[in-house]
N, C-alpha and C. Protein backbone atom coordinates (compact mmCIF):
# COMPACT_ATOMS: atom_id res chain seq x y z
N MET A 1 1.07 -1.17 0.27
CA MET A 1 0.01 0.16 -0.10
C MET A 1 0.94 1.29 0.07
N ALA A 2 1.97 1.56 0.75
CA ALA A 2 2.85 2.44 0.88
C ALA A 2 3.48 2.64 -0.29
N THR A 3 3.59 1.37 -0.78
CA THR A 3 4.70 1.95 -2.72
C THR A 3 3.63 2.32 -3.50
N ALA A 4 2.11 2.05 -3.64
CA ALA A 4 1.17 2.49 -4.27
C ALA A 4 1.30 3.95 -4.06
N GLU A 5 1.21 4.67 -2.86
CA GLU A 5 1.09 6.04 -2.50
C GLU A 5 2.31 6.10 -2.96
N LEU A 6 3.43 6.19 -2.82
CA LEU A 6 4.61 6.79 -3.52
C LEU A 6 4.15 6.99 -4.92
N GLU A 7 3.98 6.00 -5.63
CA GLU A 7 4.18 5.96 -7.14
C GLU A 7 3.24 7.15 -7.15
N HIS A 8 1.62 7.03 -6.75
CA HIS A 8 0.58 7.79 -7.22
C HIS A 8 0.52 8.50 -6.01
N PRO A 9 1.01 9.85 -5.70
CA PRO A 9 0.70 10.90 -4.58
C PRO A 9 -0.57 11.46 -5.06
N GLY A 10 -1.30 11.62 -3.99
CA GLY A 10 -2.79 12.38 -3.79
C GLY A 10 -2.44 14.01 -4.24
N ASN A 11 -3.14 14.79 -4.31
CA ASN A 11 -3.09 15.88 -4.93
C ASN A 11 -2.82 16.97 -3.62
N ALA A 12 -2.74 16.66 -2.21
CA ALA A 12 -2.31 17.10 -1.58
C ALA A 12 -0.77 17.00 -1.23
N GLU A 13 -0.30 15.71 -1.51
CA GLU A 13 1.17 15.49 -1.57
C GLU A 13 1.76 16.22 -2.86
N LEU A 14 1.01 16.24 -3.60
CA LEU A 14 1.93 17.15 -4.85
C LEU A 14 1.87 18.46 -4.67
N ALA A 15 0.65 18.90 -3.62
CA ALA A 15 0.66 20.76 -3.39
C ALA A 15 2.13 20.78 -2.36
N ARG A 16 2.07 20.00 -1.62
CA ARG A 16 3.18 19.97 -0.62
C ARG A 16 4.69 20.06 -1.15
N ARG A 17 4.74 19.16 -2.50
CA ARG A 17 6.20 19.40 -3.22
C ARG A 17 6.22 20.55 -3.85
N VAL A 18 4.97 21.22 -4.60
CA VAL A 18 5.31 22.53 -5.18
C VAL A 18 5.40 23.77 -4.20
N GLN A 19 4.85 23.63 -3.08
CA GLN A 19 5.32 24.87 -1.99
C GLN A 19 6.70 24.78 -1.51
N GLU A 20 7.45 23.46 -1.49
CA GLU A 20 8.28 23.53 -0.78
C GLU A 20 9.53 23.80 -1.81
N GLY A 21 8.78 23.69 -3.10
CA GLY A 21 10.01 23.51 -4.31
C GLY A 21 11.30 22.55 -4.21
N GLY A 22 12.22 22.91 -4.67
CA GLY A 22 13.33 21.81 -5.10
C GLY A 22 13.05 21.35 -6.17
N ALA A 23 13.45 19.80 -6.48
CA ALA A 23 13.84 19.01 -7.41
C ALA A 23 12.66 18.68 -7.95
N THR A 24 11.68 18.08 -7.19
CA THR A 24 10.39 17.45 -7.70
C THR A 24 9.58 18.29 -7.94
N ALA A 25 9.59 19.89 -7.68
CA ALA A 25 8.31 20.36 -7.87
C ALA A 25 7.81 20.76 -9.25
N GLY A 26 8.65 20.88 -10.37
CA GLY A 26 8.40 20.72 -11.72
C GLY A 26 7.28 19.97 -11.75
N ALA A 27 7.88 18.80 -11.53
CA ALA A 27 6.98 17.12 -11.68
C ALA A 27 5.78 17.61 -11.37
N ALA A 28 5.88 17.87 -10.03
CA ALA A 28 4.51 18.07 -9.23
C ALA A 28 3.52 18.57 -9.94
N GLU A 29 3.97 19.93 -10.36
CA GLU A 29 3.27 21.02 -11.02
C GLU A 29 2.67 20.37 -12.29
N ALA A 30 3.69 19.75 -13.30
CA ALA A 30 2.92 18.97 -14.22
C ALA A 30 1.73 18.20 -14.16
N GLU A 31 2.05 17.17 -12.68
CA GLU A 31 0.80 16.06 -12.40
C GLU A 31 -0.24 17.08 -11.93
N LEU A 32 -0.26 18.16 -11.36
CA LEU A 32 -1.49 18.65 -11.06
C LEU A 32 -1.97 19.29 -12.12
N CYS A 33 -1.20 19.95 -13.08
CA CYS A 33 -1.93 20.59 -13.94
C CYS A 33 -2.85 19.18 -15.05
N GLN A 34 -2.25 18.39 -15.12
CA GLN A 34 -2.49 17.32 -16.19
C GLN A 34 -3.61 16.39 -15.32
N ARG A 35 -3.85 16.77 -13.65
CA ARG A 35 -4.88 16.10 -13.17
C ARG A 35 -6.11 17.36 -13.41
N PHE A 36 -5.69 18.56 -13.02
CA PHE A 36 -7.13 19.55 -13.14
C PHE A 36 -7.53 20.24 -14.38
N TRP A 37 -6.61 19.93 -15.58
CA TRP A 37 -7.02 20.70 -16.57
C TRP A 37 -8.34 20.66 -17.16
N GLN A 38 -8.34 19.30 -17.36
CA GLN A 38 -9.59 18.77 -17.94
C GLN A 38 -10.89 18.87 -16.91
N ARG A 39 -10.49 19.01 -15.78
CA ARG A 39 -12.00 19.29 -14.76
C ARG A 39 -12.22 20.78 -15.33
N ALA A 40 -11.33 21.86 -15.14
CA ALA A 40 -11.28 23.15 -15.54
C ALA A 40 -12.05 23.33 -17.00
N ARG A 41 -11.46 22.98 -17.96
CA ARG A 41 -11.62 22.71 -19.15
C ARG A 41 -13.59 22.23 -19.17
N LEU A 42 -13.99 21.34 -18.53
CA LEU A 42 -15.22 20.92 -18.46
C LEU A 42 -16.11 22.39 -17.70
N TYR A 43 -15.79 22.63 -16.88
CA TYR A 43 -16.21 23.59 -16.18
C TYR A 43 -16.54 24.58 -16.95
N GLY A 44 -15.47 25.16 -17.86
CA GLY A 44 -15.59 26.00 -18.73
C GLY A 44 -16.65 25.97 -19.65
N LEU A 45 -16.82 24.64 -20.23
CA LEU A 45 -17.78 24.27 -20.98
C LEU A 45 -19.08 24.40 -20.73
N ARG A 46 -19.27 23.77 -19.62
CA ARG A 46 -20.70 23.94 -19.04
C ARG A 46 -20.99 25.44 -18.74
N HIS A 47 -20.36 26.27 -18.51
CA HIS A 47 -20.44 27.73 -18.10
C HIS A 47 -20.04 28.96 -19.00
N LEU A 48 -19.28 28.89 -20.10
CA LEU A 48 -18.82 29.74 -20.96
C LEU A 48 -19.42 29.52 -22.46
N ARG A 49 -19.21 30.04 -23.02
CA ARG A 49 -19.66 30.03 -24.58
C ARG A 49 -19.34 29.13 -25.35
N GLY A 50 -17.96 28.93 -25.52
CA GLY A 50 -17.16 27.98 -26.22
C GLY A 50 -16.15 27.18 -26.02
N VAL A 51 -15.39 26.56 -26.82
CA VAL A 51 -14.40 25.65 -26.48
C VAL A 51 -12.93 26.94 -26.40
N THR A 52 -13.13 27.58 -27.16
CA THR A 52 -11.83 28.77 -26.56
C THR A 52 -11.87 29.27 -25.44
N GLU A 53 -13.29 29.91 -24.81
CA GLU A 53 -13.51 30.14 -23.62
C GLU A 53 -12.84 29.12 -22.58
N ALA A 54 -13.33 28.18 -22.83
CA ALA A 54 -13.46 27.00 -21.84
C ALA A 54 -11.72 26.73 -21.64
N GLU A 55 -10.86 26.76 -22.69
CA GLU A 55 -9.63 26.57 -22.61
C GLU A 55 -8.97 27.42 -22.04
N ASP A 56 -9.27 28.79 -22.23
CA ASP A 56 -8.69 30.19 -21.74
C ASP A 56 -8.94 30.01 -20.36
N LEU A 57 -10.17 29.48 -19.59
CA LEU A 57 -10.33 28.99 -18.48
C LEU A 57 -9.58 28.38 -17.63
N ALA A 58 -9.58 26.93 -18.13
CA ALA A 58 -8.23 26.25 -17.71
C ALA A 58 -6.91 26.88 -17.54
N GLN A 59 -6.37 27.10 -18.58
CA GLN A 59 -5.41 27.82 -18.78
C GLN A 59 -4.90 29.03 -17.36
N ARG A 60 -5.63 29.98 -17.28
CA ARG A 60 -5.84 30.78 -16.07
C ARG A 60 -5.93 30.23 -14.94
N VAL A 61 -7.14 29.18 -14.78
CA VAL A 61 -7.26 27.82 -13.49
C VAL A 61 -5.61 27.65 -13.09
N MET A 62 -5.17 27.34 -13.94
CA MET A 62 -3.70 26.42 -13.78
C MET A 62 -2.74 27.49 -13.46
N GLU A 63 -2.50 28.76 -14.10
CA GLU A 63 -1.91 29.62 -13.49
C GLU A 63 -2.14 30.11 -12.34
N VAL A 64 -3.39 30.62 -11.56
CA VAL A 64 -3.65 30.96 -10.42
C VAL A 64 -3.28 29.74 -9.32
N MET A 65 -3.71 28.68 -9.38
CA MET A 65 -3.73 27.38 -8.65
C MET A 65 -2.30 27.55 -8.32
N LEU A 66 -1.24 27.46 -9.49
CA LEU A 66 0.45 27.12 -9.45
C LEU A 66 1.07 28.35 -8.73
N THR A 67 0.08 29.40 -8.99
CA THR A 67 0.97 30.67 -8.24
C THR A 67 0.67 30.88 -6.72
N SER A 68 -0.50 30.60 -6.12
CA SER A 68 -0.78 30.37 -5.35
C SER A 68 -0.50 29.47 -4.35
N LEU A 69 -0.09 28.12 -4.94
CA LEU A 69 0.71 27.33 -4.46
C LEU A 69 2.34 27.30 -3.80
N ARG A 70 2.78 28.03 -5.02
CA ARG A 70 4.29 28.50 -5.06
C ARG A 70 4.60 29.37 -3.88
N ASN A 71 3.04 30.53 -3.55
CA ASN A 71 3.49 31.49 -2.69
C ASN A 71 2.74 31.37 -1.70
N GLY A 72 2.44 29.94 -1.21
CA GLY A 72 1.87 29.34 0.15
C GLY A 72 0.20 30.26 0.52
N ARG A 73 -0.36 30.45 -0.52
CA ARG A 73 -1.63 30.99 -0.27
C ARG A 73 -2.42 30.10 -0.16
N VAL A 74 -2.53 28.85 -0.53
CA VAL A 74 -3.68 27.61 -0.23
C VAL A 74 -3.44 27.04 1.47
N ASP A 75 -4.59 27.53 2.17
CA ASP A 75 -4.62 27.34 3.51
C ASP A 75 -4.62 25.68 3.60
N ASP A 76 -5.59 24.98 3.28
CA ASP A 76 -5.80 23.68 3.36
C ASP A 76 -5.43 22.87 2.04
N LEU A 77 -4.12 22.45 2.10
CA LEU A 77 -4.20 21.20 0.89
C LEU A 77 -4.80 20.30 0.66
N GLU A 78 -5.47 19.74 1.72
CA GLU A 78 -6.43 18.41 1.45
C GLU A 78 -7.45 18.82 0.68
N LEU A 79 -7.70 20.21 0.80
CA LEU A 79 -9.00 20.59 0.10
C LEU A 79 -8.79 21.51 -1.49
N LEU A 80 -7.88 20.82 -2.00
CA LEU A 80 -7.22 21.40 -3.02
C LEU A 80 -8.76 21.74 -4.20
N ASP A 81 -9.00 20.48 -4.62
CA ASP A 81 -10.46 20.24 -5.27
C ASP A 81 -11.15 21.32 -5.30
N ARG A 82 -11.46 21.37 -3.72
CA ARG A 82 -12.48 22.87 -3.67
C ARG A 82 -11.95 24.31 -4.31
N TYR A 83 -10.67 24.15 -3.68
CA TYR A 83 -9.85 25.74 -4.50
C TYR A 83 -10.34 25.78 -5.56
N VAL A 84 -9.28 24.38 -6.12
CA VAL A 84 -9.48 25.09 -7.82
C VAL A 84 -11.09 25.04 -8.33
N LEU A 85 -12.15 24.30 -7.83
CA LEU A 85 -13.40 24.79 -8.18
C LEU A 85 -13.83 26.01 -8.10
N GLY A 86 -13.50 26.97 -6.72
CA GLY A 86 -13.73 28.00 -6.49
C GLY A 86 -12.81 28.97 -7.55
N VAL A 87 -11.39 28.86 -7.76
CA VAL A 87 -11.06 29.69 -8.74
C VAL A 87 -11.60 29.18 -10.31
N CYS A 88 -12.24 28.23 -10.55
CA CYS A 88 -13.05 28.05 -11.88
C CYS A 88 -14.38 28.79 -11.79
N ARG A 89 -14.95 29.16 -10.74
CA ARG A 89 -15.91 29.82 -10.73
C ARG A 89 -15.37 31.41 -10.76
N ASN A 90 -14.48 31.87 -9.96
CA ASN A 90 -14.07 33.33 -10.36
C ASN A 90 -13.56 33.59 -11.63
N VAL A 91 -12.75 32.77 -12.12
CA VAL A 91 -12.34 33.13 -13.63
C VAL A 91 -13.14 33.17 -14.65
N ALA A 92 -14.47 32.11 -14.42
CA ALA A 92 -15.38 32.19 -15.35
C ALA A 92 -16.30 33.61 -15.12
N HIS A 93 -16.54 33.88 -13.76
CA HIS A 93 -17.34 35.03 -13.75
C HIS A 93 -16.55 36.14 -14.45
N THR A 94 -15.30 36.28 -14.53
CA THR A 94 -14.47 37.26 -15.04
C THR A 94 -14.59 37.36 -16.51
N LEU A 95 -14.41 36.07 -16.81
CA LEU A 95 -14.54 35.91 -18.41
C LEU A 95 -15.82 36.30 -18.88
N ARG A 96 -16.79 36.12 -18.28
CA ARG A 96 -18.30 36.23 -18.83
C ARG A 96 -18.41 37.76 -18.62
N ARG A 97 -17.97 38.50 -17.55
CA ARG A 97 -18.09 40.19 -17.36
C ARG A 97 -17.09 40.66 -18.52
N SER A 98 -15.99 40.04 -18.61
CA SER A 98 -15.03 40.71 -19.78
C SER A 98 -16.17 40.78 -21.45
N GLY A 99 -16.51 39.29 -21.46
CA GLY A 99 -17.23 39.22 -22.72
C GLY A 99 -18.25 40.32 -22.89
N GLU A 100 -19.24 40.19 -22.22
CA GLU A 100 -20.15 41.52 -21.81
C GLU A 100 -19.99 42.76 -22.06
N ARG A 101 -18.81 43.11 -21.43
CA ARG A 101 -18.54 44.35 -22.19
C ARG A 101 -17.87 44.40 -23.39
N THR A 102 -16.84 43.46 -23.99
CA THR A 102 -16.48 43.49 -25.27
C THR A 102 -17.71 43.57 -26.25
N ALA A 103 -18.80 42.78 -25.66
CA ALA A 103 -20.06 42.42 -26.52
C ALA A 103 -20.46 44.26 -26.67
N LYS A 104 -20.67 44.72 -25.53
CA LYS A 104 -21.39 46.14 -25.67
C LYS A 104 -20.37 46.83 -26.57
N VAL A 105 -19.06 47.18 -26.12
CA VAL A 105 -18.01 48.30 -27.04
C VAL A 105 -18.54 47.94 -28.46
N VAL A 106 -18.60 46.73 -29.08
CA VAL A 106 -18.75 46.09 -30.51
C VAL A 106 -19.99 46.67 -30.82
N GLN A 107 -21.23 46.59 -29.73
CA GLN A 107 -22.35 47.16 -30.70
C GLN A 107 -22.52 48.46 -30.48
N ARG A 108 -21.86 49.07 -29.61
CA ARG A 108 -22.10 50.50 -29.42
C ARG A 108 -21.16 51.21 -30.61
N LEU A 109 -20.03 50.42 -30.99
CA LEU A 109 -18.98 50.98 -32.28
C LEU A 109 -20.01 50.77 -33.49
N ALA A 110 -20.67 49.52 -33.67
CA ALA A 110 -21.05 49.20 -34.70
C ALA A 110 -22.47 50.28 -35.13
N SER A 111 -22.95 51.07 -33.96
CA SER A 111 -24.18 51.20 -34.25
C SER A 111 -23.97 53.28 -34.34
N GLU A 112 -22.60 53.69 -34.11
CA GLU A 112 -22.14 54.78 -34.62
C GLU A 112 -22.03 55.25 -35.80
N PRO A 113 -22.75 56.22 -36.23
CA PRO A 113 -22.36 56.59 -37.91
C PRO A 113 -20.80 56.56 -38.23
N GLU A 114 -20.68 56.28 -39.57
CA GLU A 114 -19.22 56.52 -40.02
C GLU A 114 -19.06 57.90 -40.29
N PRO A 115 -17.71 58.75 -40.09
CA PRO A 115 -17.72 60.16 -40.39
C PRO A 115 -18.09 60.50 -42.10
N ALA A 116 -18.23 61.82 -42.45
CA ALA A 116 -19.17 62.19 -43.49
C ALA A 116 -17.72 62.04 -44.34
N SER A 117 -16.34 62.56 -44.03
CA SER A 117 -15.38 62.94 -44.71
C SER A 117 -14.35 62.25 -44.04
N GLU A 118 -13.16 61.93 -44.47
CA GLU A 118 -11.63 61.68 -44.15
C GLU A 118 -11.26 62.97 -43.39
N GLN A 119 -11.59 63.81 -43.86
CA GLN A 119 -11.07 65.15 -43.05
C GLN A 119 -11.31 65.31 -41.80
N ALA A 120 -10.37 65.82 -40.77
CA ALA A 120 -11.01 66.10 -39.74
C ALA A 120 -11.92 66.89 -39.29
N PRO A 121 -12.82 66.55 -38.07
CA PRO A 121 -13.88 67.50 -37.47
C PRO A 121 -13.33 68.90 -36.86
N GLU A 122 -14.15 69.78 -37.12
CA GLU A 122 -13.67 71.18 -36.58
C GLU A 122 -13.97 70.95 -35.00
N PRO A 123 -13.04 71.36 -34.52
CA PRO A 123 -13.67 71.16 -32.67
C PRO A 123 -14.85 72.14 -32.72
N PRO A 124 -15.35 71.82 -31.41
CA PRO A 124 -16.86 72.43 -31.48
C PRO A 124 -16.92 73.25 -30.67
N TRP A 125 -15.38 74.08 -30.12
CA TRP A 125 -15.56 75.27 -29.52
C TRP A 125 -14.95 76.53 -30.47
N GLY A 126 -14.55 76.29 -31.75
CA GLY A 126 -14.47 77.07 -32.75
C GLY A 126 -12.76 77.24 -32.80
N THR A 127 -12.40 77.74 -33.89
CA THR A 127 -10.73 78.03 -33.91
C THR A 127 -10.19 79.57 -32.73
N ALA A 128 -11.21 80.21 -32.97
CA ALA A 128 -10.59 81.40 -32.24
C ALA A 128 -10.43 80.74 -30.39
N SER A 129 -11.31 79.78 -30.01
CA SER A 129 -10.64 79.28 -28.35
C SER A 129 -9.70 78.63 -28.77
N VAL A 130 -9.27 77.77 -29.80
CA VAL A 130 -8.06 77.08 -30.10
C VAL A 130 -6.93 78.19 -29.82
N GLU A 131 -7.11 79.11 -30.62
CA GLU A 131 -5.88 80.09 -30.46
C GLU A 131 -5.65 80.90 -29.44
N HIS A 132 -6.85 81.23 -28.55
CA HIS A 132 -6.62 81.44 -27.33
C HIS A 132 -6.14 80.53 -26.34
N LEU A 133 -6.81 79.21 -26.65
CA LEU A 133 -5.66 78.24 -25.62
C LEU A 133 -4.24 78.25 -25.80
N THR A 134 -3.97 78.23 -27.05
CA THR A 134 -2.41 78.75 -27.57
C THR A 134 -1.72 79.62 -26.98
N PHE A 135 -2.65 80.58 -26.64
CA PHE A 135 -1.89 81.75 -26.28
C PHE A 135 -1.92 81.72 -24.62
N CYS A 136 -2.90 80.84 -23.94
CA CYS A 136 -2.82 80.68 -22.50
C CYS A 136 -1.81 79.89 -22.13
N ILE A 137 -1.45 78.75 -22.81
CA ILE A 137 -0.50 77.77 -22.88
C ILE A 137 0.90 78.57 -22.94
N GLY A 138 0.78 79.38 -23.87
CA GLY A 138 2.07 80.19 -23.68
C GLY A 138 2.72 80.92 -22.54
N GLY A 139 1.19 81.50 -21.44
CA GLY A 139 1.83 82.02 -20.35
C GLY A 139 2.27 81.11 -19.51
N LEU A 140 2.26 80.12 -19.64
CA LEU A 140 2.61 79.06 -18.67
C LEU A 140 3.96 79.23 -18.45
N SER A 141 4.56 78.54 -17.69
CA SER A 141 6.18 78.49 -17.14
C SER A 141 6.47 77.42 -17.84
N GLN A 142 7.73 77.19 -18.32
CA GLN A 142 8.08 76.04 -18.98
C GLN A 142 8.15 74.65 -18.81
N ARG A 143 8.28 74.64 -17.33
CA ARG A 143 8.21 73.50 -16.30
C ARG A 143 6.32 72.75 -16.54
N GLU A 144 5.78 73.82 -16.43
CA GLU A 144 4.23 73.82 -16.28
C GLU A 144 4.05 73.18 -17.76
N GLN A 145 4.34 74.06 -19.07
CA GLN A 145 4.34 73.49 -20.49
C GLN A 145 4.61 72.12 -20.75
N GLN A 146 5.48 71.73 -20.14
CA GLN A 146 6.44 70.41 -20.35
C GLN A 146 5.38 69.15 -19.47
N VAL A 147 4.80 69.55 -18.57
CA VAL A 147 3.80 68.80 -17.79
C VAL A 147 2.55 68.60 -18.65
N VAL A 148 1.92 69.55 -19.09
CA VAL A 148 0.53 69.59 -19.60
C VAL A 148 0.96 69.04 -20.99
N ASN A 149 1.71 69.30 -21.71
CA ASN A 149 2.60 68.59 -22.69
C ASN A 149 2.51 67.10 -22.63
N LEU A 150 3.29 66.45 -21.86
CA LEU A 150 3.47 65.34 -21.59
C LEU A 150 2.13 64.52 -21.17
N SER A 151 1.24 65.17 -20.42
CA SER A 151 0.13 64.36 -20.07
C SER A 151 -0.82 64.26 -20.64
N PHE A 152 -1.13 65.03 -21.79
CA PHE A 152 -2.46 65.28 -22.42
C PHE A 152 -1.98 65.12 -23.87
N SER A 153 -0.90 65.37 -24.28
CA SER A 153 -0.39 65.08 -25.90
C SER A 153 0.30 63.63 -25.91
N GLU A 154 1.04 63.52 -24.77
CA GLU A 154 1.71 62.30 -24.79
C GLU A 154 0.92 60.82 -24.03
N TRP A 155 0.18 61.44 -22.94
CA TRP A 155 -0.42 60.60 -22.50
C TRP A 155 0.38 60.21 -21.33
N ARG A 156 1.39 60.28 -20.73
CA ARG A 156 2.38 59.89 -19.90
C ARG A 156 1.82 60.18 -18.81
N SER A 157 2.07 58.93 -17.57
CA SER A 157 1.77 58.77 -16.32
C SER A 157 2.72 60.06 -15.47
N SER A 158 1.77 59.98 -14.37
CA SER A 158 2.92 60.83 -13.46
C SER A 158 4.16 60.32 -13.36
N ALA A 159 4.39 59.38 -13.09
CA ALA A 159 5.71 58.67 -12.69
C ALA A 159 6.60 58.58 -13.88
N GLU A 160 6.36 58.27 -15.13
CA GLU A 160 6.90 58.61 -16.39
C GLU A 160 7.15 60.11 -16.32
N ILE A 161 6.45 61.08 -16.19
CA ILE A 161 6.61 62.30 -16.31
C ILE A 161 7.59 62.76 -14.82
N ALA A 162 7.86 62.28 -14.12
CA ALA A 162 8.62 62.83 -13.09
C ALA A 162 10.04 62.01 -13.41
N ASP A 163 9.95 60.95 -13.99
CA ASP A 163 11.48 60.47 -14.14
C ASP A 163 12.00 61.11 -15.47
N GLN A 164 10.97 61.96 -16.13
CA GLN A 164 12.04 62.37 -17.41
C GLN A 164 12.36 63.57 -16.95
N LEU A 165 11.38 64.40 -16.07
CA LEU A 165 12.00 65.54 -15.47
C LEU A 165 12.95 66.04 -14.17
N GLY A 166 12.84 64.47 -13.24
CA GLY A 166 14.24 64.34 -12.34
C GLY A 166 12.94 65.46 -11.39
N VAL A 167 11.89 65.04 -11.12
CA VAL A 167 11.19 65.74 -9.92
C VAL A 167 10.20 64.16 -9.34
N ALA A 168 9.78 64.48 -8.29
CA ALA A 168 8.79 63.41 -7.34
C ALA A 168 7.72 63.52 -8.41
N PRO A 169 6.53 62.43 -8.47
CA PRO A 169 5.51 62.12 -8.86
C PRO A 169 4.36 63.06 -8.53
N GLY A 170 4.51 63.13 -7.22
CA GLY A 170 3.66 64.27 -6.35
C GLY A 170 3.78 65.53 -7.05
N ASN A 171 4.92 65.99 -7.14
CA ASN A 171 4.94 67.15 -7.53
C ASN A 171 4.68 67.43 -8.71
N VAL A 172 4.84 66.55 -10.13
CA VAL A 172 4.28 66.31 -11.27
C VAL A 172 2.66 66.77 -10.84
N ARG A 173 1.86 65.96 -10.13
CA ARG A 173 0.50 66.05 -9.73
C ARG A 173 0.30 67.78 -9.34
N VAL A 174 0.77 68.06 -8.56
CA VAL A 174 1.14 69.32 -8.42
C VAL A 174 0.91 70.74 -9.56
N ILE A 175 1.95 70.43 -10.08
CA ILE A 175 2.40 71.30 -11.10
C ILE A 175 0.94 71.30 -12.26
N ARG A 176 0.84 69.85 -12.49
CA ARG A 176 -0.28 69.82 -13.47
C ARG A 176 -1.76 70.39 -12.88
N HIS A 177 -1.79 70.31 -11.71
CA HIS A 177 -3.13 70.79 -11.12
C HIS A 177 -3.14 72.32 -11.39
N ARG A 178 -1.82 73.00 -10.91
CA ARG A 178 -1.62 74.45 -11.00
C ARG A 178 -1.75 75.17 -12.44
N ALA A 179 -1.17 74.47 -13.02
CA ALA A 179 -0.88 74.74 -14.85
C ALA A 179 -2.19 74.54 -15.58
N LEU A 180 -3.33 73.62 -15.27
CA LEU A 180 -4.84 73.67 -15.42
C LEU A 180 -5.79 74.70 -14.99
N ARG A 181 -5.26 74.94 -13.45
CA ARG A 181 -6.27 76.43 -12.67
C ARG A 181 -5.69 77.22 -13.67
N LYS A 182 -4.34 77.81 -13.94
CA LYS A 182 -4.18 78.91 -14.84
C LYS A 182 -5.06 78.84 -16.24
N LEU A 183 -4.87 77.73 -16.97
CA LEU A 183 -5.45 77.79 -18.20
C LEU A 183 -6.91 78.13 -17.88
N ARG A 184 -7.85 77.73 -16.92
CA ARG A 184 -9.28 77.48 -17.02
C ARG A 184 -9.20 78.91 -16.57
N ASP A 185 -8.21 79.89 -16.06
CA ASP A 185 -8.54 80.90 -15.60
C ASP A 185 -8.66 81.75 -16.77
N CYS A 186 -7.72 81.54 -17.71
CA CYS A 186 -7.20 82.55 -18.57
C CYS A 186 -8.35 82.04 -19.72
N MET A 187 -8.82 81.17 -19.78
CA MET A 187 -9.91 80.86 -20.90
C MET A 187 -11.18 81.28 -20.41
N ASP A 188 -11.35 81.31 -18.98
CA ASP A 188 -12.63 82.37 -18.47
C ASP A 188 -12.53 83.49 -18.79
N ARG A 189 -11.30 83.99 -18.95
CA ARG A 189 -11.53 85.46 -18.82
C ARG A 189 -11.52 85.87 -20.06
N ALA A 190 -11.38 84.88 -21.21
CA ALA A 190 -11.34 85.13 -22.88
C ALA A 190 -12.66 84.83 -22.87
N GLU A 191 -13.50 84.22 -22.36
CA GLU A 191 -15.29 84.26 -22.90
C GLU A 191 -15.61 85.37 -22.14
N ASP A 192 -15.36 85.91 -20.86
CA ASP A 192 -15.87 87.10 -20.64
C ASP A 192 -15.71 88.13 -21.55
N VAL A 193 -14.48 88.36 -22.16
CA VAL A 193 -14.14 89.33 -23.19
C VAL A 193 -14.98 89.29 -24.50
N ALA A 194 -15.27 88.16 -24.84
CA ALA A 194 -16.16 87.60 -26.31
C ALA A 194 -17.83 87.81 -25.70
């Protein structure tokens, strides 16, 4: 009996080997994936739309299971079957929500009218406002202009801008906030004059 247990260890024993690492961890991971892959795939076939989604679910479940085992986040290794079932539920829920969001975006994009021409549309605020905004940006300090340009033309994050300019990310947010307030005040004065 003991020989059979050594030749065919249970799921809990394999999970322990994965947690401990070492020479047998890779083989234990492969065996666990082989045991749970088909179960996760069948769960996906029952609860998702198709074969591709079911295989995506199985792949993600294997990744979550192995990562959790390696990091010691599975509390009771004897209940590994239940843990994997819970992961299947969570991943299926996430995939369903993602699919629903994608379907809504596709539907919205399909219902939008196509532009009449290839030429870029005129901004709704008119060319005079664009000229005034350019004037207002010219009134900012060089550092404020850099932060505004990097934030809204190049879509850089505060951390990326901070690295480029050699300042703290918090400082970037303060500079951007002050620059936007100055621009808003300058644009409001232009509307008052017009």
